[in-house]
Amino acid sequence: MNDDDLARAVRRLDPAQTPLDAPIPLAAERRARDFARTAPRARRRPVYAAWGSAAAVVVLVLAIVTGVLWMPSSPASALTPQPLAFTSISEDAPQVIAQAQQRLTDGSGPSSPERRSLSLGWYFSGSPDEAEATVFRREWIDVQWNEDLSGSVVTTAAEATNAAGDTVPAGEPTPGTVVGDLQFVQNQFSPLSPTAPEPTVEAMRALVLTSTGAGDQLTAGDAMLGARALLGEWTLTGPQQAALLEVVAQAPGLRVVGSAFDRLGRPVVGLAAVPSGLTTSEATLLLSADTGRIVGFESELLADNPNLKLPAGSITDYTLWDVSDRKANTE
């Protein structure tokens, strides 16, 4: 990973509104370069794997320290996955969250928090040859770390889909191929919360504020970004998720999108809001209709984006959690 890789990654933290030639925020550049200096050097891989690894590393690290997850991309014409098909429901946002919190008390989730985040995701990346991209390559991202702040981030190619979500062949890297394997020695991993978060609204709000830098004017969209950052480090218990959802509920700007099936076919309810720093994109948090747990996050453009050559309504990334059983079925 060289200086140009870091520059491109940081400039695209917000592709919905950041020009490609915009100056890099000094704080973001400092965090990225601090990481680059301490990260262990990896062996050279084939071009496709090396590029994918560098992109995944930068995205993951910046997601941990900033709560923002955008894939580095070249300006190109590209299609994106179809938005989820939501059906309107009668419940308002407070009712949806209250129902989720009630489900979270049934004891079906993990009994204790785990220093691990396993997710399945897709992140927009323009085609280098300007060709329309109709195959969407997904990735398993497995973050595991220890109390002594050692750990690993392993990125594995997952099955690709078409715009409708059907599995399609995509060539190399084939599903199951490890495209990124970053190892951290003791005291090298830098999480948002080194110790298990307290299952209180106050503790979760403090972590959300730290991750987003939103100040006291926390919007529901900001709270969703904070939730994504925290879930990128921890597998939380039911009480912890309930407290995190209360932070979202108490922030202004929250609306109910409706019920749907997520990109793994699981029944969910969607809540949406606009982050204060990403006003041309809307974030959607997906809550399991069965367990109440936060199982997904998606970003959608609210306006045409000439830099990305994407129209309003385009999905630019999605992340799915509580997927350990699905990954086990692919191995």
C-alpha atoms as a PDB file:
ATOM      1  CA  MET A   1       0.000   0.000   0.000  1.00  0.00           C
ATOM      2  CA  ASN A   2       1.581   3.294  -1.082  1.00  0.00           C
ATOM      3  CA  ASP A   3       0.780   6.971  -0.531  1.00  0.00           C
ATOM      4  CA  ASP A   4      -1.456   7.090  -3.604  1.00  0.00           C
ATOM      5  CA  ASP A   5      -3.529   4.156  -2.301  1.00  0.00           C
ATOM      6  CA  LEU A   6      -4.079   5.967   0.999  1.00  0.00           C
ATOM      7  CA  ALA A   7      -4.896   9.246  -0.707  1.00  0.00           C
ATOM      8  CA  ARG A   8      -7.476   7.659  -2.980  1.00  0.00           C
ATOM      9  CA  ALA A   9      -9.074   5.776  -0.092  1.00  0.00           C
ATOM     10  CA  VAL A  10      -9.405   8.783   2.187  1.00  0.00           C
ATOM     11  CA  ARG A  11     -10.686  11.052  -0.584  1.00  0.00           C
ATOM     12  CA  ARG A  12     -13.493   8.607  -1.203  1.00  0.00           C
ATOM     13  CA  LEU A  13     -14.698   8.331   2.375  1.00  0.00           C
ATOM     14  CA  ASP A  14     -17.809  10.158   1.175  1.00  0.00           C
ATOM     15  CA  PRO A  15     -18.216   9.485  -2.563  1.00  0.00           C
ATOM     16  CA  ALA A  16     -21.678  10.986  -2.458  1.00  0.00           C
ATOM     17  CA  GLN A  17     -20.278  14.485  -2.097  1.00  0.00           C
ATOM     18  CA  THR A  18     -16.458  14.527  -2.098  1.00  0.00           C
ATOM     19  CA  PRO A  19     -14.824  15.569  -5.428  1.00  0.00           C
ATOM     20  CA  LEU A  20     -12.026  13.257  -6.513  1.00  0.00           C
ATOM     21  CA  ASP A  21      -9.519  16.114  -6.327  1.00  0.00           C
ATOM     22  CA  ALA A  22     -10.645  17.378  -2.910  1.00  0.00           C
ATOM     23  CA  PRO A  23      -7.946  17.823  -0.241  1.00  0.00           C
ATOM     24  CA  ILE A  24      -7.611  15.005   2.274  1.00  0.00           C
ATOM     25  CA  PRO A  25      -8.869  15.854   5.786  1.00  0.00           C
ATOM     26  CA  LEU A  26      -5.757  16.138   7.948  1.00  0.00           C
ATOM     27  CA  ALA A  27      -7.135  14.008  10.777  1.00  0.00           C
ATOM     28  CA  ALA A  28      -8.160  11.224   8.423  1.00  0.00           C
ATOM     29  CA  GLU A  29      -4.823  11.335   6.625  1.00  0.00           C
ATOM     30  CA  ARG A  30      -2.977  11.136   9.939  1.00  0.00           C
ATOM     31  CA  ARG A  31      -4.961   8.097  11.079  1.00  0.00           C
ATOM     32  CA  ALA A  32      -4.471   6.334   7.768  1.00  0.00           C
ATOM     33  CA  ARG A  33      -0.726   6.991   7.691  1.00  0.00           C
ATOM     34  CA  ASP A  34      -0.326   5.975  11.335  1.00  0.00           C
ATOM     35  CA  PHE A  35      -1.937   2.676  10.468  1.00  0.00           C
ATOM     36  CA  ALA A  36       0.194   2.247   7.354  1.00  0.00           C
ATOM     37  CA  ARG A  37       3.386   2.704   9.353  1.00  0.00           C
ATOM     38  CA  THR A  38       2.427   0.053  11.929  1.00  0.00           C
ATOM     39  CA  ALA A  39       0.728  -2.504   9.699  1.00  0.00           C
ATOM     40  CA  PRO A  40       2.776  -5.620   8.902  1.00  0.00           C
ATOM     41  CA  ARG A  41       3.927  -5.955   5.326  1.00  0.00           C
ATOM     42  CA  ALA A  42       2.161  -8.594   3.265  1.00  0.00           C
ATOM     43  CA  ARG A  43       3.632 -10.687   0.482  1.00  0.00           C
ATOM     44  CA  ARG A  44       2.883  -9.513  -3.028  1.00  0.00           C
ATOM     45  CA  ARG A  45      -0.141 -11.218  -4.531  1.00  0.00           C
ATOM     46  CA  PRO A  46      -1.620 -11.298  -8.012  1.00  0.00           C
ATOM     47  CA  VAL A  47      -2.905  -7.892  -9.099  1.00  0.00           C
ATOM     48  CA  TYR A  48      -6.574  -8.608  -8.402  1.00  0.00           C
ATOM     49  CA  ALA A  49      -5.875  -9.906  -4.892  1.00  0.00           C
ATOM     50  CA  ALA A  50      -3.398  -7.184  -3.921  1.00  0.00           C
ATOM     51  CA  TRP A  51      -5.773  -4.414  -4.981  1.00  0.00           C
ATOM     52  CA  GLY A  52      -8.650  -6.013  -3.147  1.00  0.00           C
ATOM     53  CA  SER A  53      -6.594  -6.482   0.007  1.00  0.00           C
ATOM     54  CA  ALA A  54      -5.354  -2.889   0.116  1.00  0.00           C
ATOM     55  CA  ALA A  55      -8.871  -1.579  -0.392  1.00  0.00           C
ATOM     56  CA  ALA A  56     -10.330  -3.844   2.293  1.00  0.00           C
ATOM     57  CA  VAL A  57      -7.601  -2.910   4.784  1.00  0.00           C
ATOM     58  CA  VAL A  58      -8.065   0.838   4.345  1.00  0.00           C
ATOM     59  CA  VAL A  59     -11.850   0.596   4.456  1.00  0.00           C
ATOM     60  CA  LEU A  60     -11.868  -1.545   7.578  1.00  0.00           C
ATOM     61  CA  VAL A  61      -9.384   0.566   9.502  1.00  0.00           C
ATOM     62  CA  LEU A  62     -11.135   3.803   8.644  1.00  0.00           C
ATOM     63  CA  ALA A  63     -14.472   2.211   9.529  1.00  0.00           C
ATOM     64  CA  ILE A  64     -13.110   1.362  12.979  1.00  0.00           C
ATOM     65  CA  VAL A  65     -11.714   4.828  13.682  1.00  0.00           C
ATOM     66  CA  THR A  66     -14.324   6.974  11.948  1.00  0.00           C
ATOM     67  CA  GLY A  67     -17.470   4.913  11.538  1.00  0.00           C
ATOM     68  CA  VAL A  68     -17.485   5.535   7.782  1.00  0.00           C
ATOM     69  CA  LEU A  69     -17.347   2.660   5.370  1.00  0.00           C
ATOM     70  CA  TRP A  70     -16.983   3.503   1.662  1.00  0.00           C
ATOM     71  CA  MET A  71     -15.126   1.421  -0.874  1.00  0.00           C
ATOM     72  CA  PRO A  72     -12.358   3.213  -2.853  1.00  0.00           C
ATOM     73  CA  SER A  73     -13.639   3.553  -6.403  1.00  0.00           C
ATOM     74  CA  SER A  74     -12.843   4.926  -9.825  1.00  0.00           C
ATOM     75  CA  PRO A  75     -15.396   7.143 -11.584  1.00  0.00           C
ATOM     76  CA  ALA A  76     -17.207   4.800 -13.930  1.00  0.00           C
ATOM     77  CA  SER A  77     -20.596   3.845 -15.288  1.00  0.00           C
ATOM     78  CA  ALA A  78     -21.881   1.004 -13.132  1.00  0.00           C
ATOM     79  CA  LEU A  79     -25.082  -0.615 -12.054  1.00  0.00           C
ATOM     80  CA  THR A  80     -25.706  -1.330  -8.396  1.00  0.00           C
ATOM     81  CA  PRO A  81     -27.798  -3.947  -6.594  1.00  0.00           C
ATOM     82  CA  GLN A  82     -31.514  -3.362  -6.612  1.00  0.00           C
ATOM     83  CA  PRO A  83     -32.882  -1.678  -3.467  1.00  0.00           C
ATOM     84  CA  LEU A  84     -34.726  -3.935  -1.071  1.00  0.00           C
ATOM     85  CA  ALA A  85     -38.473  -4.152  -1.687  1.00  0.00           C
ATOM     86  CA  PHE A  86     -40.071  -2.726   1.457  1.00  0.00           C
ATOM     87  CA  THR A  87     -43.745  -3.039   2.376  1.00  0.00           C
ATOM     88  CA  SER A  88     -45.337  -0.291   4.456  1.00  0.00           C
ATOM     89  CA  ILE A  89     -46.231  -1.127   8.064  1.00  0.00           C
ATOM     90  CA  SER A  90     -48.451   0.667  10.566  1.00  0.00           C
ATOM     91  CA  GLU A  91     -45.881   0.959  13.378  1.00  0.00           C
ATOM     92  CA  ASP A  92     -43.898   4.160  13.812  1.00  0.00           C
ATOM     93  CA  ALA A  93     -40.186   4.288  14.674  1.00  0.00           C
ATOM     94  CA  PRO A  94     -40.582   4.240  18.494  1.00  0.00           C
ATOM     95  CA  GLN A  95     -42.908   1.245  18.209  1.00  0.00           C
ATOM     96  CA  VAL A  96     -40.560  -0.635  15.884  1.00  0.00           C
ATOM     97  CA  ILE A  97     -37.626  -0.118  18.232  1.00  0.00           C
ATOM     98  CA  ALA A  98     -39.675  -1.003  21.316  1.00  0.00           C
ATOM     99  CA  GLN A  99     -40.726  -4.268  19.660  1.00  0.00           C
ATOM    100  CA  ALA A 100     -37.121  -5.033  18.734  1.00  0.00           C
ATOM    101  CA  GLN A 101     -35.969  -4.315  22.286  1.00  0.00           C
ATOM    102  CA  GLN A 102     -38.628  -6.667  23.628  1.00  0.00           C
ATOM    103  CA  ARG A 103     -37.417  -9.454  21.330  1.00  0.00           C
ATOM    104  CA  LEU A 104     -33.844  -8.812  22.473  1.00  0.00           C
ATOM    105  CA  THR A 105     -34.806  -9.842  26.018  1.00  0.00           C
ATOM    106  CA  ASP A 106     -35.647 -13.441  25.097  1.00  0.00           C
ATOM    107  CA  GLY A 107     -32.079 -14.639  25.692  1.00  0.00           C
ATOM    108  CA  SER A 108     -31.591 -16.082  22.216  1.00  0.00           C
ATOM    109  CA  GLY A 109     -28.563 -13.893  21.428  1.00  0.00           C
ATOM    110  CA  PRO A 110     -24.997 -14.320  22.683  1.00  0.00           C
ATOM    111  CA  SER A 111     -24.724 -14.549  26.466  1.00  0.00           C
ATOM    112  CA  SER A 112     -21.602 -12.381  26.530  1.00  0.00           C
ATOM    113  CA  PRO A 113     -20.032  -9.886  24.115  1.00  0.00           C
ATOM    114  CA  GLU A 114     -17.359 -11.190  21.776  1.00  0.00           C
ATOM    115  CA  ARG A 115     -14.361  -9.356  20.361  1.00  0.00           C
ATOM    116  CA  ARG A 116     -15.311 -10.365  16.849  1.00  0.00           C
ATOM    117  CA  SER A 117     -17.278  -9.003  13.920  1.00  0.00           C
ATOM    118  CA  LEU A 118     -18.171 -11.306  11.035  1.00  0.00           C
ATOM    119  CA  SER A 119     -20.000  -9.635   8.170  1.00  0.00           C
ATOM    120  CA  LEU A 120     -20.978 -10.203   4.565  1.00  0.00           C
ATOM    121  CA  GLY A 121     -20.859  -7.074   2.450  1.00  0.00           C
ATOM    122  CA  TRP A 122     -20.749  -5.389  -0.914  1.00  0.00           C
ATOM    123  CA  TYR A 123     -19.216  -1.946  -1.519  1.00  0.00           C
ATOM    124  CA  PHE A 124     -19.470   0.107  -4.704  1.00  0.00           C
ATOM    125  CA  SER A 125     -16.338   0.232  -6.819  1.00  0.00           C
ATOM    126  CA  GLY A 126     -16.400   1.653 -10.340  1.00  0.00           C
ATOM    127  CA  SER A 127     -15.176  -0.509 -13.208  1.00  0.00           C
ATOM    128  CA  PRO A 128     -11.629   0.453 -14.280  1.00  0.00           C
ATOM    129  CA  ASP A 129     -12.489  -0.044 -17.961  1.00  0.00           C
ATOM    130  CA  GLU A 130     -15.634   2.091 -17.792  1.00  0.00           C
ATOM    131  CA  ALA A 131     -17.731  -0.984 -18.634  1.00  0.00           C
ATOM    132  CA  GLU A 132     -21.065  -1.455 -16.928  1.00  0.00           C
ATOM    133  CA  ALA A 133     -20.732  -3.814 -13.982  1.00  0.00           C
ATOM    134  CA  THR A 134     -23.618  -6.242 -13.602  1.00  0.00           C
ATOM    135  CA  VAL A 135     -21.925  -8.765 -11.290  1.00  0.00           C
ATOM    136  CA  PHE A 136     -21.525  -7.771  -7.665  1.00  0.00           C
ATOM    137  CA  ARG A 137     -18.669  -9.348  -5.756  1.00  0.00           C
ATOM    138  CA  ARG A 138     -19.335  -9.756  -2.065  1.00  0.00           C
ATOM    139  CA  GLU A 139     -16.833 -10.288   0.751  1.00  0.00           C
ATOM    140  CA  TRP A 140     -16.777 -12.007   4.112  1.00  0.00           C
ATOM    141  CA  ILE A 141     -14.929  -9.745   6.538  1.00  0.00           C
ATOM    142  CA  ASP A 142     -13.880 -11.434   9.774  1.00  0.00           C
ATOM    143  CA  VAL A 143     -12.457  -9.119  12.446  1.00  0.00           C
ATOM    144  CA  GLN A 144     -11.127 -10.940  15.517  1.00  0.00           C
ATOM    145  CA  TRP A 145      -9.078  -9.356  18.284  1.00  0.00           C
ATOM    146  CA  ASN A 146      -7.969  -9.978  21.841  1.00  0.00           C
ATOM    147  CA  GLU A 147      -7.834  -8.172  25.160  1.00  0.00           C
ATOM    148  CA  ASP A 148      -4.114  -7.487  24.586  1.00  0.00           C
ATOM    149  CA  LEU A 149      -5.103  -5.666  21.346  1.00  0.00           C
ATOM    150  CA  SER A 150      -3.644  -8.281  19.022  1.00  0.00           C
ATOM    151  CA  GLY A 151      -5.890  -9.662  16.328  1.00  0.00           C
ATOM    152  CA  SER A 152      -6.605 -10.152  12.662  1.00  0.00           C
ATOM    153  CA  VAL A 153      -8.762  -8.950   9.789  1.00  0.00           C
ATOM    154  CA  VAL A 154      -9.376 -11.652   7.189  1.00  0.00           C
ATOM    155  CA  THR A 155     -11.247 -10.843   3.968  1.00  0.00           C
ATOM    156  CA  THR A 156     -12.577 -13.757   1.928  1.00  0.00           C
ATOM    157  CA  ALA A 157     -14.298 -13.705  -1.449  1.00  0.00           C
ATOM    158  CA  ALA A 158     -17.971 -14.663  -1.210  1.00  0.00           C
ATOM    159  CA  GLU A 159     -20.447 -15.676  -3.879  1.00  0.00           C
ATOM    160  CA  ALA A 160     -21.250 -12.910  -6.350  1.00  0.00           C
ATOM    161  CA  THR A 161     -24.793 -11.875  -7.269  1.00  0.00           C
ATOM    162  CA  ASN A 162     -26.607 -10.052 -10.041  1.00  0.00           C
ATOM    163  CA  ALA A 163     -28.652  -6.911  -9.410  1.00  0.00           C
ATOM    164  CA  ALA A 164     -31.662  -8.960  -8.318  1.00  0.00           C
ATOM    165  CA  GLY A 165     -29.584 -10.816  -5.719  1.00  0.00           C
ATOM    166  CA  ASP A 166     -29.359 -14.155  -7.506  1.00  0.00           C
ATOM    167  CA  THR A 167     -26.025 -15.973  -7.208  1.00  0.00           C
ATOM    168  CA  VAL A 168     -23.989 -15.879 -10.421  1.00  0.00           C
ATOM    169  CA  PRO A 169     -20.485 -17.049 -11.426  1.00  0.00           C
ATOM    170  CA  ALA A 170     -17.878 -14.284 -11.367  1.00  0.00           C
ATOM    171  CA  GLY A 171     -14.502 -15.881 -12.153  1.00  0.00           C
ATOM    172  CA  GLU A 172     -11.512 -15.107  -9.954  1.00  0.00           C
ATOM    173  CA  PRO A 173     -11.204 -14.710  -7.074  1.00  0.00           C
ATOM    174  CA  THR A 174     -13.449 -17.729  -6.522  1.00  0.00           C
ATOM    175  CA  PRO A 175     -15.612 -17.932  -3.394  1.00  0.00           C
ATOM    176  CA  GLY A 176     -13.548 -18.988  -0.400  1.00  0.00           C
ATOM    177  CA  THR A 177     -10.364 -17.308  -1.651  1.00  0.00           C
ATOM    178  CA  VAL A 178      -8.650 -15.262   1.054  1.00  0.00           C
ATOM    179  CA  VAL A 179      -7.968 -11.872  -0.529  1.00  0.00           C
ATOM    180  CA  GLY A 180      -6.774 -10.097   2.608  1.00  0.00           C
ATOM    181  CA  ASP A 181      -5.128 -11.324   5.803  1.00  0.00           C
ATOM    182  CA  LEU A 182      -3.947  -8.575   8.134  1.00  0.00           C
ATOM    183  CA  GLN A 183      -2.386  -9.616  11.432  1.00  0.00           C
ATOM    184  CA  PHE A 184      -1.998  -7.330  14.472  1.00  0.00           C
ATOM    185  CA  VAL A 185       0.550  -7.923  17.217  1.00  0.00           C
ATOM    186  CA  GLN A 186      -0.030  -6.995  20.856  1.00  0.00           C
ATOM    187  CA  ASN A 187      -1.190  -3.383  21.350  1.00  0.00           C
ATOM    188  CA  GLN A 188      -1.452  -2.815  17.584  1.00  0.00           C
ATOM    189  CA  PHE A 189      -5.201  -3.144  17.090  1.00  0.00           C
ATOM    190  CA  SER A 190      -7.011   0.104  17.920  1.00  0.00           C
ATOM    191  CA  PRO A 191     -10.722  -0.515  18.624  1.00  0.00           C
ATOM    192  CA  LEU A 192     -13.409   2.019  19.356  1.00  0.00           C
ATOM    193  CA  SER A 193     -14.034   0.322  22.697  1.00  0.00           C
ATOM    194  CA  PRO A 194     -11.180  -1.839  24.107  1.00  0.00           C
ATOM    195  CA  THR A 195     -13.459  -3.187  26.857  1.00  0.00           C
ATOM    196  CA  ALA A 196     -16.963  -4.571  26.538  1.00  0.00           C
ATOM    197  CA  PRO A 197     -19.427  -1.651  26.220  1.00  0.00           C
ATOM    198  CA  GLU A 198     -21.744  -1.203  29.170  1.00  0.00           C
ATOM    199  CA  PRO A 199     -25.366  -2.075  28.237  1.00  0.00           C
ATOM    200  CA  THR A 200     -26.589   1.452  29.000  1.00  0.00           C
ATOM    201  CA  VAL A 201     -27.858   4.230  26.777  1.00  0.00           C
ATOM    202  CA  GLU A 202     -25.272   6.639  28.208  1.00  0.00           C
ATOM    203  CA  ALA A 203     -22.344   4.330  27.437  1.00  0.00           C
ATOM    204  CA  MET A 204     -23.566   3.554  23.927  1.00  0.00           C
ATOM    205  CA  ARG A 205     -24.240   7.207  23.170  1.00  0.00           C
ATOM    206  CA  ALA A 206     -20.711   8.121  24.265  1.00  0.00           C
ATOM    207  CA  LEU A 207     -19.256   5.502  21.906  1.00  0.00           C
ATOM    208  CA  VAL A 208     -21.452   6.670  19.033  1.00  0.00           C
ATOM    209  CA  LEU A 209     -20.363  10.273  19.584  1.00  0.00           C
ATOM    210  CA  THR A 210     -16.717   9.220  19.690  1.00  0.00           C
ATOM    211  CA  SER A 211     -16.981   7.213  16.488  1.00  0.00           C
ATOM    212  CA  THR A 212     -18.796   9.870  14.457  1.00  0.00           C
ATOM    213  CA  GLY A 213     -17.484  13.137  15.907  1.00  0.00           C
ATOM    214  CA  ALA A 214     -21.020  14.469  15.563  1.00  0.00           C
ATOM    215  CA  GLY A 215     -20.924  16.526  18.757  1.00  0.00           C
ATOM    216  CA  ASP A 216     -24.094  17.094  20.749  1.00  0.00           C
ATOM    217  CA  GLN A 217     -26.211  17.450  17.597  1.00  0.00           C
ATOM    218  CA  LEU A 218     -26.448  13.709  17.021  1.00  0.00           C
ATOM    219  CA  THR A 219     -28.928  12.744  14.298  1.00  0.00           C
ATOM    220  CA  ALA A 220     -30.458   9.300  13.836  1.00  0.00           C
ATOM    221  CA  GLY A 221     -28.296   8.913  10.737  1.00  0.00           C
ATOM    222  CA  ASP A 222     -25.183   9.667  12.792  1.00  0.00           C
ATOM    223  CA  ALA A 223     -26.299   7.125  15.394  1.00  0.00           C
ATOM    224  CA  MET A 224     -26.637   4.520  12.640  1.00  0.00           C
ATOM    225  CA  LEU A 225     -23.068   5.191  11.486  1.00  0.00           C
ATOM    226  CA  GLY A 226     -21.924   4.786  15.073  1.00  0.00           C
ATOM    227  CA  ALA A 227     -23.814   1.507  15.367  1.00  0.00           C
ATOM    228  CA  ARG A 228     -22.121   0.250  12.218  1.00  0.00           C
ATOM    229  CA  ALA A 229     -18.697   1.172  13.591  1.00  0.00           C
ATOM    230  CA  LEU A 230     -19.334  -0.619  16.884  1.00  0.00           C
ATOM    231  CA  LEU A 231     -20.718  -3.715  15.171  1.00  0.00           C
ATOM    232  CA  GLY A 232     -17.561  -3.721  13.057  1.00  0.00           C
ATOM    233  CA  GLU A 233     -15.626  -4.604  16.241  1.00  0.00           C
ATOM    234  CA  TRP A 234     -17.979  -6.421  18.584  1.00  0.00           C
ATOM    235  CA  THR A 235     -20.674  -9.078  18.593  1.00  0.00           C
ATOM    236  CA  LEU A 236     -23.017  -7.538  21.161  1.00  0.00           C
ATOM    237  CA  THR A 237     -25.462  -9.120  23.583  1.00  0.00           C
ATOM    238  CA  GLY A 238     -29.204  -8.439  23.543  1.00  0.00           C
ATOM    239  CA  PRO A 239     -29.063  -5.806  26.336  1.00  0.00           C
ATOM    240  CA  GLN A 240     -26.166  -4.035  24.585  1.00  0.00           C
ATOM    241  CA  GLN A 241     -28.063  -3.949  21.278  1.00  0.00           C
ATOM    242  CA  ALA A 242     -31.193  -2.717  23.049  1.00  0.00           C
ATOM    243  CA  ALA A 243     -29.227   0.200  24.536  1.00  0.00           C
ATOM    244  CA  LEU A 244     -27.681   0.963  21.153  1.00  0.00           C
ATOM    245  CA  LEU A 245     -31.128   0.996  19.536  1.00  0.00           C
ATOM    246  CA  GLU A 246     -32.316   3.434  22.197  1.00  0.00           C
ATOM    247  CA  VAL A 247     -29.561   5.853  21.128  1.00  0.00           C
ATOM    248  CA  VAL A 248     -30.942   5.638  17.580  1.00  0.00           C
ATOM    249  CA  ALA A 249     -34.502   6.088  18.839  1.00  0.00           C
ATOM    250  CA  GLN A 250     -33.678   9.231  20.828  1.00  0.00           C
ATOM    251  CA  ALA A 251     -31.967  10.993  17.910  1.00  0.00           C
ATOM    252  CA  PRO A 252     -34.048  13.130  15.517  1.00  0.00           C
ATOM    253  CA  GLY A 253     -34.699  12.284  11.880  1.00  0.00           C
ATOM    254  CA  LEU A 254     -35.675   8.623  12.153  1.00  0.00           C
ATOM    255  CA  ARG A 255     -38.346   7.108   9.906  1.00  0.00           C
ATOM    256  CA  VAL A 256     -39.727   3.634   9.234  1.00  0.00           C
ATOM    257  CA  VAL A 257     -39.104   2.266   5.739  1.00  0.00           C
ATOM    258  CA  GLY A 258     -41.184  -0.889   6.198  1.00  0.00           C
ATOM    259  CA  SER A 259     -40.754  -4.655   6.280  1.00  0.00           C
ATOM    260  CA  ALA A 260     -38.713  -6.636   3.776  1.00  0.00           C
ATOM    261  CA  PHE A 261     -36.429  -9.614   3.301  1.00  0.00           C
ATOM    262  CA  ASP A 262     -32.735  -8.773   3.461  1.00  0.00           C
ATOM    263  CA  ARG A 263     -30.123  -9.947   0.947  1.00  0.00           C
ATOM    264  CA  LEU A 264     -29.944 -13.318   2.691  1.00  0.00           C
ATOM    265  CA  GLY A 265     -33.705 -13.778   2.676  1.00  0.00           C
ATOM    266  CA  ARG A 266     -34.201 -12.968   6.368  1.00  0.00           C
ATOM    267  CA  PRO A 267     -37.328 -11.007   7.470  1.00  0.00           C
ATOM    268  CA  VAL A 268     -36.363  -7.506   8.610  1.00  0.00           C
ATOM    269  CA  VAL A 269     -37.788  -4.087   9.398  1.00  0.00           C
ATOM    270  CA  GLY A 270     -35.968  -1.065   7.994  1.00  0.00           C
ATOM    271  CA  LEU A 271     -35.315   2.252   9.747  1.00  0.00           C
ATOM    272  CA  ALA A 272     -33.807   5.104   7.719  1.00  0.00           C
ATOM    273  CA  ALA A 273     -32.165   8.458   8.413  1.00  0.00           C
ATOM    274  CA  VAL A 274     -29.730  10.928   6.831  1.00  0.00           C
ATOM    275  CA  PRO A 275     -26.311  11.344   8.522  1.00  0.00           C
ATOM    276  CA  SER A 276     -25.397  14.971   9.193  1.00  0.00           C
ATOM    277  CA  GLY A 277     -22.145  14.711   7.221  1.00  0.00           C
ATOM    278  CA  LEU A 278     -23.583  12.690   4.312  1.00  0.00           C
ATOM    279  CA  THR A 279     -26.661  14.646   3.349  1.00  0.00           C
ATOM    280  CA  THR A 280     -26.841  13.227  -0.192  1.00  0.00           C
ATOM    281  CA  SER A 281     -27.055   9.659   1.128  1.00  0.00           C
ATOM    282  CA  GLU A 282     -29.544   7.894   3.375  1.00  0.00           C
ATOM    283  CA  ALA A 283     -28.596   5.131   5.808  1.00  0.00           C
ATOM    284  CA  THR A 284     -30.922   2.214   6.491  1.00  0.00           C
ATOM    285  CA  LEU A 285     -30.607   0.016   9.565  1.00  0.00           C
ATOM    286  CA  LEU A 286     -32.126  -3.465   9.248  1.00  0.00           C
ATOM    287  CA  LEU A 287     -33.610  -5.073  12.374  1.00  0.00           C
ATOM    288  CA  SER A 288     -34.408  -8.765  12.454  1.00  0.00           C
ATOM    289  CA  ALA A 289     -38.147  -9.382  12.658  1.00  0.00           C
ATOM    290  CA  ASP A 290     -37.356 -12.595  14.560  1.00  0.00           C
ATOM    291  CA  THR A 291     -34.699 -11.575  17.085  1.00  0.00           C
ATOM    292  CA  GLY A 292     -34.765  -7.755  17.145  1.00  0.00           C
ATOM    293  CA  ARG A 293     -31.014  -7.695  16.497  1.00  0.00           C
ATOM    294  CA  ILE A 294     -29.354  -5.250  14.105  1.00  0.00           C
ATOM    295  CA  VAL A 295     -28.544  -7.483  11.152  1.00  0.00           C
ATOM    296  CA  GLY A 296     -27.816  -5.041   8.340  1.00  0.00           C
ATOM    297  CA  PHE A 297     -26.846  -1.578   7.170  1.00  0.00           C
ATOM    298  CA  GLU A 298     -27.307  -0.080   3.690  1.00  0.00           C
ATOM    299  CA  SER A 299     -26.510   3.266   2.033  1.00  0.00           C
ATOM    300  CA  GLU A 300     -28.555   4.774  -0.791  1.00  0.00           C
ATOM    301  CA  LEU A 301     -27.989   7.930  -2.843  1.00  0.00           C
ATOM    302  CA  LEU A 302     -30.676  10.596  -2.457  1.00  0.00           C
ATOM    303  CA  ALA A 303     -29.497  12.543  -5.513  1.00  0.00           C
ATOM    304  CA  ASP A 304     -27.713  11.867  -8.779  1.00  0.00           C
ATOM    305  CA  ASN A 305     -23.955  11.630  -8.268  1.00  0.00           C
ATOM    306  CA  PRO A 306     -22.000  12.808 -11.332  1.00  0.00           C
ATOM    307  CA  ASN A 307     -18.645  11.756  -9.869  1.00  0.00           C
ATOM    308  CA  LEU A 308     -19.760   8.155  -9.487  1.00  0.00           C
ATOM    309  CA  LYS A 309     -22.086   8.363 -12.506  1.00  0.00           C
ATOM    310  CA  LEU A 310     -24.856   6.872 -10.416  1.00  0.00           C
ATOM    311  CA  PRO A 311     -28.491   8.038 -10.256  1.00  0.00           C
ATOM    312  CA  ALA A 312     -30.487   8.796  -7.161  1.00  0.00           C
ATOM    313  CA  GLY A 313     -31.729   5.612  -5.530  1.00  0.00           C
ATOM    314  CA  SER A 314     -28.507   3.682  -6.162  1.00  0.00           C
ATOM    315  CA  ILE A 315     -27.276   1.399  -3.390  1.00  0.00           C
ATOM    316  CA  THR A 316     -23.617   2.164  -2.703  1.00  0.00           C
ATOM    317  CA  ASP A 317     -22.885  -0.403   0.012  1.00  0.00           C
ATOM    318  CA  TYR A 318     -24.457  -2.928   2.302  1.00  0.00           C
ATOM    319  CA  THR A 319     -23.250  -4.926   5.307  1.00  0.00           C
ATOM    320  CA  LEU A 320     -24.959  -7.930   6.918  1.00  0.00           C
ATOM    321  CA  TRP A 321     -24.268  -9.288  10.419  1.00  0.00           C
ATOM    322  CA  ASP A 322     -25.321 -12.424  12.343  1.00  0.00           C
ATOM    323  CA  VAL A 323     -24.097 -14.457   9.388  1.00  0.00           C
ATOM    324  CA  SER A 324     -21.867 -17.082  11.026  1.00  0.00           C
ATOM    325  CA  ASP A 325     -24.263 -19.910  10.115  1.00  0.00           C
ATOM    326  CA  ARG A 326     -24.380 -18.759   6.489  1.00  0.00           C
ATOM    327  CA  LYS A 327     -20.597 -18.634   6.227  1.00  0.00           C
ATOM    328  CA  ALA A 328     -20.294 -22.087   7.802  1.00  0.00           C
ATOM    329  CA  ASN A 329     -22.593 -23.452   5.092  1.00  0.00           C
ATOM    330  CA  THR A 330     -20.196 -22.174   2.400  1.00  0.00           C
ATOM    331  CA  GLU A 331     -17.114 -23.852   3.824  1.00  0.00           C
END
